[in-house]
Amino acid sequence: MTPKRKQKLFMALGLVSLAAIAVGLTLYALRANINLFFSPIQIVAGDAPFERQLRAGGMVKEGSVVRNPDSLDVEFTVTDYVEDVRVHYSGILPDLFREGQGVVVVGQLQRDGWIKADQVLARHDENYMPPEVAEALEAAGYSAADYQAKAAEVVERIEAREDQEGASQY
């Protein structure tokens, strides 16, 4: 092999090696920043990773919202009407956040089984269900229609309670 060919071969191998390293580092960075979605069923079953960024979704369980009057700390339970997961959040909640409404929380699952949320996203309609929630329920053997019917029932009950409280104030 001539020195010129050897030099070209080493240069080609070097470029391929650098490209492989660049692709590997890019894939590692993407893996570290990905937010996978988990339903309460999957979290309770142990499918969700601990202390890594994840998204969890479901409905805010009726009667579970506890606000700290001295700070912006809020605790509530996210349910899929099969399993429940406790969420701790410190910050201003979205205007559409309330019991019986759907939420998606972004945060970290702690070893004790609760989620420390960095962000809370509220949905405007109890009939809307993100595709990942529907898929997770179907994978667990539950019907998305049953979930939506239960959510509508809870919203009706909460609205009736709010109407009674509003009527008693006047």
C-alpha atoms as a PDB file:
ATOM      1  CA  MET A   1       0.000   0.000   0.000  1.00  0.00           C
ATOM      2  CA  THR A   2       1.382   3.350  -0.983  1.00  0.00           C
ATOM      3  CA  PRO A   3       1.742   6.151   1.574  1.00  0.00           C
ATOM      4  CA  LYS A   4      -0.841   8.233  -0.302  1.00  0.00           C
ATOM      5  CA  ARG A   5      -3.413   5.397  -0.098  1.00  0.00           C
ATOM      6  CA  LYS A   6      -2.611   4.835   3.572  1.00  0.00           C
ATOM      7  CA  GLN A   7      -3.200   8.527   4.276  1.00  0.00           C
ATOM      8  CA  LYS A   8      -6.566   8.461   2.467  1.00  0.00           C
ATOM      9  CA  LEU A   9      -7.581   5.285   4.348  1.00  0.00           C
ATOM     10  CA  PHE A  10      -6.738   6.830   7.746  1.00  0.00           C
ATOM     11  CA  MET A  11      -8.580  10.008   6.810  1.00  0.00           C
ATOM     12  CA  ALA A  12     -11.686   8.032   5.773  1.00  0.00           C
ATOM     13  CA  LEU A  13     -11.557   5.961   8.985  1.00  0.00           C
ATOM     14  CA  GLY A  14     -11.143   9.125  11.018  1.00  0.00           C
ATOM     15  CA  LEU A  15     -14.161  10.773   9.378  1.00  0.00           C
ATOM     16  CA  VAL A  16     -16.298   7.650   9.898  1.00  0.00           C
ATOM     17  CA  SER A  17     -15.207   7.502  13.553  1.00  0.00           C
ATOM     18  CA  LEU A  18     -16.033  11.180  14.115  1.00  0.00           C
ATOM     19  CA  ALA A  19     -19.428  10.745  12.457  1.00  0.00           C
ATOM     20  CA  ALA A  20     -20.177   7.705  14.657  1.00  0.00           C
ATOM     21  CA  ILE A  21     -19.206   9.640  17.789  1.00  0.00           C
ATOM     22  CA  ALA A  22     -21.376  12.602  16.742  1.00  0.00           C
ATOM     23  CA  VAL A  23     -24.378  10.347  16.079  1.00  0.00           C
ATOM     24  CA  GLY A  24     -23.847   8.540  19.394  1.00  0.00           C
ATOM     25  CA  LEU A  25     -23.678  11.784  21.382  1.00  0.00           C
ATOM     26  CA  THR A  26     -26.777  13.132  19.623  1.00  0.00           C
ATOM     27  CA  LEU A  27     -28.769   9.984  20.398  1.00  0.00           C
ATOM     28  CA  TYR A  28     -27.625  10.071  24.024  1.00  0.00           C
ATOM     29  CA  ALA A  29     -28.705  13.710  24.377  1.00  0.00           C
ATOM     30  CA  LEU A  30     -32.111  12.960  22.842  1.00  0.00           C
ATOM     31  CA  ARG A  31     -32.599   9.971  25.127  1.00  0.00           C
ATOM     32  CA  ALA A  32     -31.880  12.062  28.208  1.00  0.00           C
ATOM     33  CA  ASN A  33     -34.382  14.771  27.208  1.00  0.00           C
ATOM     34  CA  ILE A  34     -37.312  12.618  26.096  1.00  0.00           C
ATOM     35  CA  ASN A  35     -40.576  12.875  28.066  1.00  0.00           C
ATOM     36  CA  LEU A  36     -42.433   9.577  27.896  1.00  0.00           C
ATOM     37  CA  PHE A  37     -46.116   9.479  28.803  1.00  0.00           C
ATOM     38  CA  PHE A  38     -47.359   7.174  31.569  1.00  0.00           C
ATOM     39  CA  SER A  39     -50.870   6.612  32.871  1.00  0.00           C
ATOM     40  CA  PRO A  40     -51.523   6.033  36.584  1.00  0.00           C
ATOM     41  CA  ILE A  41     -51.991   2.327  35.819  1.00  0.00           C
ATOM     42  CA  GLN A  42     -48.477   2.134  34.368  1.00  0.00           C
ATOM     43  CA  ILE A  43     -46.953   4.189  37.185  1.00  0.00           C
ATOM     44  CA  VAL A  44     -48.472   2.013  39.910  1.00  0.00           C
ATOM     45  CA  ALA A  45     -47.423  -1.115  37.991  1.00  0.00           C
ATOM     46  CA  GLY A  46     -43.801   0.109  38.126  1.00  0.00           C
ATOM     47  CA  ASP A  47     -43.349   0.795  34.411  1.00  0.00           C
ATOM     48  CA  ALA A  48     -42.309   4.437  34.901  1.00  0.00           C
ATOM     49  CA  PRO A  49     -38.687   5.359  35.660  1.00  0.00           C
ATOM     50  CA  PHE A  50     -37.837   7.035  38.950  1.00  0.00           C
ATOM     51  CA  GLU A  51     -36.370  10.552  39.084  1.00  0.00           C
ATOM     52  CA  ARG A  52     -36.441  11.067  35.308  1.00  0.00           C
ATOM     53  CA  GLN A  53     -38.561  13.565  33.436  1.00  0.00           C
ATOM     54  CA  LEU A  54     -41.896  12.056  32.420  1.00  0.00           C
ATOM     55  CA  ARG A  55     -45.454  13.038  31.574  1.00  0.00           C
ATOM     56  CA  ALA A  56     -48.430  11.569  33.411  1.00  0.00           C
ATOM     57  CA  GLY A  57     -52.049  12.196  32.663  1.00  0.00           C
ATOM     58  CA  GLY A  58     -55.542  11.526  33.816  1.00  0.00           C
ATOM     59  CA  MET A  59     -58.332  13.276  35.665  1.00  0.00           C
ATOM     60  CA  VAL A  60     -57.988  15.338  38.844  1.00  0.00           C
ATOM     61  CA  LYS A  61     -59.666  13.175  41.458  1.00  0.00           C
ATOM     62  CA  GLU A  62     -62.710  14.680  43.106  1.00  0.00           C
ATOM     63  CA  GLY A  63     -61.936  15.994  46.595  1.00  0.00           C
ATOM     64  CA  SER A  64     -58.183  15.510  46.288  1.00  0.00           C
ATOM     65  CA  VAL A  65     -56.955  19.097  45.766  1.00  0.00           C
ATOM     66  CA  VAL A  66     -55.180  20.477  48.840  1.00  0.00           C
ATOM     67  CA  ARG A  67     -53.757  23.993  48.639  1.00  0.00           C
ATOM     68  CA  ASN A  68     -51.258  25.446  51.094  1.00  0.00           C
ATOM     69  CA  PRO A  69     -52.660  28.858  52.134  1.00  0.00           C
ATOM     70  CA  ASP A  70     -49.169  30.253  52.827  1.00  0.00           C
ATOM     71  CA  SER A  71     -47.599  29.385  49.478  1.00  0.00           C
ATOM     72  CA  LEU A  72     -48.341  28.270  45.926  1.00  0.00           C
ATOM     73  CA  ASP A  73     -47.916  24.599  46.858  1.00  0.00           C
ATOM     74  CA  VAL A  74     -50.727  22.322  45.731  1.00  0.00           C
ATOM     75  CA  GLU A  75     -51.210  18.583  46.139  1.00  0.00           C
ATOM     76  CA  PHE A  76     -53.755  16.628  44.127  1.00  0.00           C
ATOM     77  CA  THR A  77     -54.390  13.153  42.834  1.00  0.00           C
ATOM     78  CA  VAL A  78     -54.397  12.171  39.172  1.00  0.00           C
ATOM     79  CA  THR A  79     -56.587   9.167  38.465  1.00  0.00           C
ATOM     80  CA  ASP A  80     -57.635   7.055  35.536  1.00  0.00           C
ATOM     81  CA  TYR A  81     -60.450   5.661  37.697  1.00  0.00           C
ATOM     82  CA  VAL A  82     -58.456   2.467  38.135  1.00  0.00           C
ATOM     83  CA  GLU A  83     -55.300   3.686  39.897  1.00  0.00           C
ATOM     84  CA  ASP A  84     -54.309   6.971  41.541  1.00  0.00           C
ATOM     85  CA  VAL A  85     -51.031   8.903  41.659  1.00  0.00           C
ATOM     86  CA  ARG A  86     -50.367  11.773  44.064  1.00  0.00           C
ATOM     87  CA  VAL A  87     -48.880  14.963  42.550  1.00  0.00           C
ATOM     88  CA  HIS A  88     -47.056  17.803  44.340  1.00  0.00           C
ATOM     89  CA  TYR A  89     -46.780  21.098  42.457  1.00  0.00           C
ATOM     90  CA  SER A  90     -45.508  24.517  43.434  1.00  0.00           C
ATOM     91  CA  GLY A  91     -46.610  27.314  41.164  1.00  0.00           C
ATOM     92  CA  ILE A  92     -49.603  28.939  39.542  1.00  0.00           C
ATOM     93  CA  LEU A  93     -52.080  26.416  38.194  1.00  0.00           C
ATOM     94  CA  PRO A  94     -53.739  26.901  34.793  1.00  0.00           C
ATOM     95  CA  ASP A  95     -57.136  28.632  34.801  1.00  0.00           C
ATOM     96  CA  LEU A  96     -58.833  25.457  33.552  1.00  0.00           C
ATOM     97  CA  PHE A  97     -57.479  23.336  36.411  1.00  0.00           C
ATOM     98  CA  ARG A  98     -60.169  21.909  38.692  1.00  0.00           C
ATOM     99  CA  GLU A  99     -61.458  18.663  40.081  1.00  0.00           C
ATOM    100  CA  GLY A 100     -62.901  16.328  37.484  1.00  0.00           C
ATOM    101  CA  GLN A 101     -60.930  17.904  34.638  1.00  0.00           C
ATOM    102  CA  GLY A 102     -58.193  16.224  32.663  1.00  0.00           C
ATOM    103  CA  VAL A 103     -54.572  17.167  33.300  1.00  0.00           C
ATOM    104  CA  VAL A 104     -51.144  16.224  32.079  1.00  0.00           C
ATOM    105  CA  VAL A 105     -48.298  16.805  34.523  1.00  0.00           C
ATOM    106  CA  VAL A 106     -44.648  17.004  33.587  1.00  0.00           C
ATOM    107  CA  GLY A 107     -42.272  16.080  36.379  1.00  0.00           C
ATOM    108  CA  GLN A 108     -40.314  13.354  38.124  1.00  0.00           C
ATOM    109  CA  LEU A 109     -41.630  10.227  39.801  1.00  0.00           C
ATOM    110  CA  GLN A 110     -40.186   9.989  43.298  1.00  0.00           C
ATOM    111  CA  ARG A 111     -39.242   6.737  45.028  1.00  0.00           C
ATOM    112  CA  ASP A 112     -42.222   7.127  47.399  1.00  0.00           C
ATOM    113  CA  GLY A 113     -44.615   6.865  44.422  1.00  0.00           C
ATOM    114  CA  TRP A 114     -45.643  10.513  44.033  1.00  0.00           C
ATOM    115  CA  ILE A 115     -44.807  12.934  41.237  1.00  0.00           C
ATOM    116  CA  LYS A 116     -42.973  16.210  41.798  1.00  0.00           C
ATOM    117  CA  ALA A 117     -44.482  18.255  38.969  1.00  0.00           C
ATOM    118  CA  ASP A 118     -42.637  21.044  37.185  1.00  0.00           C
ATOM    119  CA  GLN A 119     -45.572  21.843  34.910  1.00  0.00           C
ATOM    120  CA  VAL A 120     -49.330  21.208  34.958  1.00  0.00           C
ATOM    121  CA  LEU A 121     -51.324  21.339  31.729  1.00  0.00           C
ATOM    122  CA  ALA A 122     -55.138  21.374  31.895  1.00  0.00           C
ATOM    123  CA  ARG A 123     -57.506  20.225  29.190  1.00  0.00           C
ATOM    124  CA  HIS A 124     -60.699  22.109  28.493  1.00  0.00           C
ATOM    125  CA  ASP A 125     -63.000  19.186  27.798  1.00  0.00           C
ATOM    126  CA  GLU A 126     -63.593  16.004  29.757  1.00  0.00           C
ATOM    127  CA  ASN A 127     -64.495  14.269  26.483  1.00  0.00           C
ATOM    128  CA  TYR A 128     -61.043  14.867  24.982  1.00  0.00           C
ATOM    129  CA  MET A 129     -58.519  12.144  25.603  1.00  0.00           C
ATOM    130  CA  PRO A 130     -54.924  12.282  24.373  1.00  0.00           C
ATOM    131  CA  PRO A 131     -54.055   9.331  22.136  1.00  0.00           C
ATOM    132  CA  GLU A 132     -51.398   8.140  24.587  1.00  0.00           C
ATOM    133  CA  VAL A 133     -53.962   7.941  27.414  1.00  0.00           C
ATOM    134  CA  ALA A 134     -56.349   5.939  25.229  1.00  0.00           C
ATOM    135  CA  GLU A 135     -53.535   3.592  24.188  1.00  0.00           C
ATOM    136  CA  ALA A 136     -52.379   3.107  27.781  1.00  0.00           C
ATOM    137  CA  LEU A 137     -55.918   2.284  28.921  1.00  0.00           C
ATOM    138  CA  GLU A 138     -56.443  -0.154  26.067  1.00  0.00           C
ATOM    139  CA  ALA A 139     -53.110  -1.825  26.815  1.00  0.00           C
ATOM    140  CA  ALA A 140     -54.245  -2.265  30.420  1.00  0.00           C
ATOM    141  CA  GLY A 141     -57.540  -3.767  29.238  1.00  0.00           C
ATOM    142  CA  TYR A 142     -59.805  -0.783  29.886  1.00  0.00           C
ATOM    143  CA  SER A 143     -62.074   0.992  27.441  1.00  0.00           C
ATOM    144  CA  ALA A 144     -61.526   4.653  26.658  1.00  0.00           C
ATOM    145  CA  ALA A 145     -65.319   5.047  26.395  1.00  0.00           C
ATOM    146  CA  ASP A 146     -65.747   3.843  30.000  1.00  0.00           C
ATOM    147  CA  TYR A 147     -63.121   6.329  31.107  1.00  0.00           C
ATOM    148  CA  GLN A 148     -64.868   9.189  29.324  1.00  0.00           C
ATOM    149  CA  ALA A 149     -68.280   8.197  30.732  1.00  0.00           C
ATOM    150  CA  LYS A 150     -66.847   8.173  34.256  1.00  0.00           C
ATOM    151  CA  ALA A 151     -65.215  11.577  33.658  1.00  0.00           C
ATOM    152  CA  ALA A 152     -68.503  13.047  32.417  1.00  0.00           C
ATOM    153  CA  GLU A 153     -70.285  11.667  35.491  1.00  0.00           C
ATOM    154  CA  VAL A 154     -67.752  13.273  37.834  1.00  0.00           C
ATOM    155  CA  VAL A 155     -67.977  16.633  36.024  1.00  0.00           C
ATOM    156  CA  GLU A 156     -71.782  16.583  36.287  1.00  0.00           C
ATOM    157  CA  ARG A 157     -71.560  15.850  40.013  1.00  0.00           C
ATOM    158  CA  ILE A 158     -69.054  18.674  40.574  1.00  0.00           C
ATOM    159  CA  GLU A 159     -71.122  21.150  38.544  1.00  0.00           C
ATOM    160  CA  ALA A 160     -74.254  20.202  40.507  1.00  0.00           C
ATOM    161  CA  ARG A 161     -72.360  20.741  43.775  1.00  0.00           C
ATOM    162  CA  GLU A 162     -71.084  24.133  42.548  1.00  0.00           C
ATOM    163  CA  ASP A 163     -74.625  25.120  41.505  1.00  0.00           C
ATOM    164  CA  GLN A 164     -75.923  24.213  44.980  1.00  0.00           C
ATOM    165  CA  GLU A 165     -73.151  26.191  46.663  1.00  0.00           C
ATOM    166  CA  GLY A 166     -73.853  29.182  44.394  1.00  0.00           C
ATOM    167  CA  ALA A 167     -77.588  29.041  45.104  1.00  0.00           C
ATOM    168  CA  SER A 168     -77.012  28.854  48.868  1.00  0.00           C
ATOM    169  CA  GLN A 169     -74.941  32.058  48.772  1.00  0.00           C
ATOM    170  CA  TYR A 170     -77.882  34.128  47.511  1.00  0.00           C
END
